Structures are given as structure tokens and as C-alpha cells.
Amino acid sequence: MEEKQFQSLKEFYPFYLTEHSHPTSRILHFIGTAIVLLLIPASLLFHNFKLLLLIPFVGYGFAWVGHFFFEKNKPATFKYPGYSLASDFLLFFDLLSGKQKFKP
């Protein structure tokens, strides 16, 4: 069976949500993205741009724990890095606004 090839973020995001259905995984993604969003202004505020080097480790670290230990699937980042990164932020803001729930 041929795997679907996504042509847009709008098309990809529903798939992304199915790959993030475990509540703990969603919480881990939310925490990782929140820390990433805090690292950016913190690096400017404290004039410590080395903090920016932590972004991929924090962002992917929390997310990949969610995938490997709770979702039991492979992160979409490996196949769709751009759509996956954008969807991480969409999910974060959807959870923050209540548009998505931690328990789908």
C-alpha cells in the first residue's frame, strides 16, 4: 500500500493529530514547545545566545519521549520536518486556546 504524500500543512495537520493522540504525548509536546518559546526571549534578555543551542534538544527531546514511549510511533519529523515543526506550534496554540484538548 502506498503511503500518502502531503501537499500542504492544512492536509498534513489532521494526520499529525492522529499521531499525537496519547494525552501524555500531547503534554510532553506542549511542555517542550513552551520551553522552546521561553528560550528565545531568555537568550535575548540574558544576552546568552548559547541558550538557543538548547532549542532542538528541548523541543525534540520532549516530543520524542512522547512518541517512543507513549505513542509507540515514529515522529513525523523524519519524513515531513517542515510540516511537523509547524504542526508542533499549531498544536501548542490549539491546546493553549482550547481548540484541541490534552485528551482527544
N, C-alpha and C. Protein backbone atom coordinates (compact mmCIF):
# COMPACT_ATOMS: atom_id res chain seq x y z
N MET A 1 0.84 -1.18 0.00
CA MET A 1 0.00 0.00 0.00
C MET A 1 0.88 1.25 0.00
N GLU A 2 0.59 2.18 -0.87
CA GLU A 2 1.39 3.40 -1.00
C GLU A 2 1.02 4.39 0.10
N GLU A 3 2.06 5.00 0.70
CA GLU A 3 1.85 5.96 1.76
C GLU A 3 1.45 7.31 1.17
N LYS A 4 0.53 8.00 1.84
CA LYS A 4 0.04 9.30 1.38
C LYS A 4 1.16 10.34 1.43
N GLN A 5 1.24 11.14 0.39
CA GLN A 5 2.19 12.26 0.33
C GLN A 5 1.39 13.54 0.54
N PHE A 6 1.76 14.30 1.56
CA PHE A 6 1.04 15.52 1.90
C PHE A 6 1.56 16.69 1.07
N GLN A 7 0.64 17.51 0.61
CA GLN A 7 0.99 18.63 -0.25
C GLN A 7 0.85 19.98 0.45
N SER A 8 0.26 19.99 1.65
CA SER A 8 0.07 21.26 2.36
C SER A 8 -0.02 21.00 3.85
N LEU A 9 0.21 22.04 4.62
CA LEU A 9 0.08 21.94 6.08
C LEU A 9 -1.37 21.65 6.46
N LYS A 10 -2.30 22.25 5.75
CA LYS A 10 -3.73 22.01 6.01
C LYS A 10 -4.08 20.53 5.84
N GLU A 11 -3.48 19.91 4.87
CA GLU A 11 -3.69 18.48 4.61
C GLU A 11 -2.95 17.62 5.64
N PHE A 12 -1.78 18.08 6.08
CA PHE A 12 -0.94 17.31 6.99
C PHE A 12 -1.44 17.33 8.43
N TYR A 13 -1.95 18.47 8.89
CA TYR A 13 -2.28 18.64 10.31
C TYR A 13 -3.25 17.59 10.87
N PRO A 14 -4.31 17.22 10.16
CA PRO A 14 -5.18 16.15 10.69
C PRO A 14 -4.42 14.83 10.91
N PHE A 15 -3.51 14.50 9.98
CA PHE A 15 -2.67 13.31 10.17
C PHE A 15 -1.79 13.48 11.41
N TYR A 16 -1.19 14.64 11.55
CA TYR A 16 -0.34 14.95 12.71
C TYR A 16 -1.11 14.71 14.00
N LEU A 17 -2.35 15.15 14.06
CA LEU A 17 -3.16 14.98 15.27
C LEU A 17 -3.39 13.50 15.59
N THR A 18 -3.55 12.67 14.56
CA THR A 18 -3.75 11.23 14.82
C THR A 18 -2.48 10.59 15.38
N GLU A 19 -1.32 11.17 15.04
CA GLU A 19 -0.04 10.67 15.54
C GLU A 19 0.27 11.21 16.94
N HIS A 20 -0.60 12.05 17.46
CA HIS A 20 -0.43 12.67 18.77
C HIS A 20 -1.72 12.53 19.58
N SER A 21 -2.17 11.31 19.71
CA SER A 21 -3.46 11.09 20.37
C SER A 21 -3.33 10.72 21.85
N HIS A 22 -2.15 10.33 22.29
CA HIS A 22 -1.97 9.96 23.69
C HIS A 22 -1.84 11.24 24.53
N PRO A 23 -2.61 11.36 25.61
CA PRO A 23 -2.57 12.58 26.43
C PRO A 23 -1.17 12.93 26.95
N THR A 24 -0.40 11.94 27.35
CA THR A 24 0.95 12.22 27.87
C THR A 24 1.84 12.75 26.76
N SER A 25 1.69 12.22 25.57
CA SER A 25 2.47 12.71 24.44
C SER A 25 2.13 14.16 24.16
N ARG A 26 0.85 14.49 24.19
CA ARG A 26 0.44 15.88 23.95
C ARG A 26 1.00 16.81 25.03
N ILE A 27 0.98 16.36 26.27
CA ILE A 27 1.53 17.16 27.37
C ILE A 27 3.03 17.38 27.16
N LEU A 28 3.75 16.32 26.80
CA LEU A 28 5.19 16.43 26.56
C LEU A 28 5.49 17.38 25.40
N HIS A 29 4.72 17.29 24.33
CA HIS A 29 4.90 18.21 23.20
C HIS A 29 4.64 19.65 23.66
N PHE A 30 3.60 19.84 24.43
CA PHE A 30 3.25 21.17 24.91
C PHE A 30 4.38 21.75 25.77
N ILE A 31 4.89 20.94 26.69
CA ILE A 31 5.98 21.40 27.57
C ILE A 31 7.23 21.74 26.75
N GLY A 32 7.59 20.86 25.84
CA GLY A 32 8.78 21.10 25.02
C GLY A 32 8.66 22.37 24.20
N THR A 33 7.50 22.59 23.58
CA THR A 33 7.29 23.79 22.77
C THR A 33 7.28 25.03 23.65
N ALA A 34 6.67 24.93 24.83
CA ALA A 34 6.64 26.08 25.76
C ALA A 34 8.06 26.48 26.17
N ILE A 35 8.88 25.49 26.48
CA ILE A 35 10.26 25.79 26.88
C ILE A 35 11.03 26.41 25.71
N VAL A 36 10.81 25.88 24.51
CA VAL A 36 11.45 26.46 23.32
C VAL A 36 11.06 27.93 23.17
N LEU A 37 9.77 28.22 23.34
CA LEU A 37 9.30 29.59 23.20
C LEU A 37 9.82 30.50 24.31
N LEU A 38 10.17 29.93 25.46
CA LEU A 38 10.77 30.71 26.54
C LEU A 38 12.27 30.90 26.36
N LEU A 39 12.92 29.95 25.71
CA LEU A 39 14.36 30.05 25.50
C LEU A 39 14.74 31.23 24.59
N ILE A 40 13.89 31.53 23.65
CA ILE A 40 14.21 32.61 22.70
C ILE A 40 14.29 33.97 23.41
N PRO A 41 13.23 34.38 24.13
CA PRO A 41 13.36 35.67 24.84
C PRO A 41 14.38 35.62 25.97
N ALA A 42 14.56 34.46 26.61
CA ALA A 42 15.54 34.35 27.69
C ALA A 42 16.95 34.59 27.15
N SER A 43 17.23 34.08 25.96
CA SER A 43 18.56 34.28 25.39
C SER A 43 18.80 35.76 25.10
N LEU A 44 17.76 36.48 24.69
CA LEU A 44 17.89 37.92 24.45
C LEU A 44 17.99 38.69 25.76
N LEU A 45 17.15 38.34 26.70
CA LEU A 45 17.11 39.04 27.99
C LEU A 45 18.43 38.92 28.74
N PHE A 46 18.98 37.73 28.74
CA PHE A 46 20.22 37.47 29.49
C PHE A 46 21.48 37.57 28.62
N HIS A 47 21.29 37.96 27.35
CA HIS A 47 22.41 38.08 26.41
C HIS A 47 23.26 36.81 26.39
N ASN A 48 22.56 35.69 26.44
CA ASN A 48 23.23 34.38 26.43
C ASN A 48 22.68 33.60 25.24
N PHE A 49 23.30 33.80 24.10
CA PHE A 49 22.80 33.20 22.88
C PHE A 49 23.11 31.70 22.78
N LYS A 50 23.91 31.22 23.71
CA LYS A 50 24.15 29.77 23.78
C LYS A 50 22.88 29.03 24.17
N LEU A 51 21.95 29.72 24.81
CA LEU A 51 20.67 29.10 25.17
C LEU A 51 19.93 28.63 23.92
N LEU A 52 20.15 29.31 22.82
CA LEU A 52 19.48 28.93 21.56
C LEU A 52 19.92 27.54 21.09
N LEU A 53 21.11 27.13 21.50
CA LEU A 53 21.58 25.79 21.13
C LEU A 53 20.76 24.68 21.79
N LEU A 54 20.06 25.02 22.86
CA LEU A 54 19.23 24.04 23.56
C LEU A 54 17.91 23.76 22.84
N ILE A 55 17.50 24.65 21.96
CA ILE A 55 16.18 24.53 21.34
C ILE A 55 15.92 23.17 20.69
N PRO A 56 16.78 22.67 19.82
CA PRO A 56 16.45 21.37 19.22
C PRO A 56 16.42 20.23 20.24
N PHE A 57 17.27 20.30 21.24
CA PHE A 57 17.30 19.23 22.24
C PHE A 57 16.05 19.24 23.11
N VAL A 58 15.63 20.41 23.51
CA VAL A 58 14.43 20.53 24.34
C VAL A 58 13.20 20.19 23.52
N GLY A 59 13.07 20.83 22.37
CA GLY A 59 11.89 20.60 21.54
C GLY A 59 11.73 19.15 21.13
N TYR A 60 12.78 18.60 20.54
CA TYR A 60 12.70 17.21 20.09
C TYR A 60 12.78 16.22 21.24
N GLY A 61 13.50 16.56 22.28
CA GLY A 61 13.64 15.65 23.42
C GLY A 61 12.29 15.29 24.04
N PHE A 62 11.53 16.30 24.39
CA PHE A 62 10.21 16.05 24.98
C PHE A 62 9.30 15.33 23.98
N ALA A 63 9.31 15.80 22.73
CA ALA A 63 8.43 15.21 21.72
C ALA A 63 8.76 13.75 21.47
N TRP A 64 10.04 13.43 21.35
CA TRP A 64 10.42 12.06 21.02
C TRP A 64 10.17 11.11 22.18
N VAL A 65 10.27 11.56 23.40
CA VAL A 65 9.87 10.71 24.54
C VAL A 65 8.39 10.36 24.38
N GLY A 66 7.59 11.36 24.02
CA GLY A 66 6.16 11.11 23.80
C GLY A 66 5.91 10.08 22.72
N HIS A 67 6.65 10.18 21.63
CA HIS A 67 6.45 9.25 20.52
C HIS A 67 6.94 7.84 20.86
N PHE A 68 8.15 7.74 21.34
CA PHE A 68 8.75 6.41 21.53
C PHE A 68 8.17 5.65 22.71
N PHE A 69 7.77 6.35 23.78
CA PHE A 69 7.30 5.67 24.98
C PHE A 69 5.79 5.65 25.16
N PHE A 70 5.09 6.60 24.56
CA PHE A 70 3.64 6.66 24.77
C PHE A 70 2.85 6.42 23.49
N GLU A 71 3.21 7.09 22.42
CA GLU A 71 2.50 6.88 21.16
C GLU A 71 2.92 5.56 20.49
N LYS A 72 4.18 5.17 20.72
CA LYS A 72 4.74 3.97 20.09
C LYS A 72 4.74 4.11 18.56
N ASN A 73 5.10 5.31 18.10
CA ASN A 73 5.20 5.53 16.67
C ASN A 73 6.46 6.35 16.36
N LYS A 74 6.75 6.49 15.09
CA LYS A 74 7.94 7.22 14.66
C LYS A 74 7.53 8.67 14.41
N PRO A 75 8.29 9.64 14.95
CA PRO A 75 7.94 11.05 14.75
C PRO A 75 7.85 11.42 13.26
N ALA A 76 6.85 12.21 12.94
CA ALA A 76 6.67 12.66 11.55
C ALA A 76 7.80 13.57 11.11
N THR A 77 8.59 14.05 12.05
CA THR A 77 9.73 14.93 11.75
C THR A 77 10.68 14.26 10.76
N PHE A 78 10.81 12.95 10.83
CA PHE A 78 11.75 12.25 9.97
C PHE A 78 11.35 12.33 8.49
N LYS A 79 10.05 12.36 8.23
CA LYS A 79 9.58 12.37 6.84
C LYS A 79 9.08 13.75 6.39
N TYR A 80 8.51 14.50 7.31
CA TYR A 80 7.95 15.81 7.00
C TYR A 80 8.44 16.85 8.01
N PRO A 81 9.72 17.20 7.97
CA PRO A 81 10.26 18.08 9.01
C PRO A 81 9.60 19.45 9.07
N GLY A 82 9.33 20.06 7.95
CA GLY A 82 8.72 21.40 7.94
C GLY A 82 7.29 21.38 8.44
N TYR A 83 6.49 20.48 7.88
CA TYR A 83 5.09 20.36 8.31
C TYR A 83 5.00 19.95 9.77
N SER A 84 5.90 19.09 10.20
CA SER A 84 5.89 18.62 11.58
C SER A 84 6.22 19.76 12.54
N LEU A 85 7.24 20.54 12.23
CA LEU A 85 7.60 21.66 13.08
C LEU A 85 6.46 22.68 13.16
N ALA A 86 5.88 23.02 12.02
CA ALA A 86 4.75 23.96 12.02
C ALA A 86 3.58 23.39 12.81
N SER A 87 3.34 22.09 12.68
CA SER A 87 2.23 21.45 13.40
C SER A 87 2.47 21.41 14.91
N ASP A 88 3.74 21.32 15.32
CA ASP A 88 4.05 21.40 16.75
C ASP A 88 3.54 22.72 17.33
N PHE A 89 3.80 23.79 16.60
CA PHE A 89 3.35 25.10 17.07
C PHE A 89 1.83 25.26 16.96
N LEU A 90 1.24 24.72 15.88
CA LEU A 90 -0.23 24.74 15.77
C LEU A 90 -0.87 24.00 16.93
N LEU A 91 -0.36 22.81 17.24
CA LEU A 91 -0.91 22.04 18.36
C LEU A 91 -0.74 22.81 19.67
N PHE A 92 0.43 23.40 19.88
CA PHE A 92 0.67 24.17 21.10
C PHE A 92 -0.38 25.26 21.27
N PHE A 93 -0.59 26.06 20.22
CA PHE A 93 -1.54 27.16 20.33
C PHE A 93 -2.98 26.67 20.34
N ASP A 94 -3.26 25.55 19.66
CA ASP A 94 -4.61 24.96 19.74
C ASP A 94 -4.90 24.44 21.15
N LEU A 95 -3.90 23.86 21.81
CA LEU A 95 -4.08 23.40 23.19
C LEU A 95 -4.23 24.60 24.13
N LEU A 96 -3.44 25.62 23.91
CA LEU A 96 -3.49 26.83 24.74
C LEU A 96 -4.84 27.52 24.63
N SER A 97 -5.39 27.54 23.43
CA SER A 97 -6.67 28.23 23.20
C SER A 97 -7.89 27.35 23.52
N GLY A 98 -7.67 26.05 23.69
CA GLY A 98 -8.77 25.14 23.95
C GLY A 98 -9.37 24.54 22.69
N LYS A 99 -8.83 24.90 21.54
CA LYS A 99 -9.34 24.35 20.26
C LYS A 99 -9.08 22.84 20.21
N GLN A 100 -7.95 22.41 20.77
CA GLN A 100 -7.63 20.98 20.94
C GLN A 100 -7.56 20.71 22.44
N LYS A 101 -7.77 19.46 22.80
CA LYS A 101 -7.72 19.06 24.21
C LYS A 101 -6.50 18.16 24.43
N PHE A 102 -6.05 18.12 25.67
CA PHE A 102 -4.95 17.21 26.01
C PHE A 102 -5.41 15.77 25.89
N LYS A 103 -6.67 15.52 26.18
CA LYS A 103 -7.26 14.19 26.00
C LYS A 103 -8.21 14.26 24.81
N PRO A 104 -7.76 13.81 23.62
CA PRO A 104 -8.60 13.93 22.42
C PRO A 104 -9.85 13.06 22.50
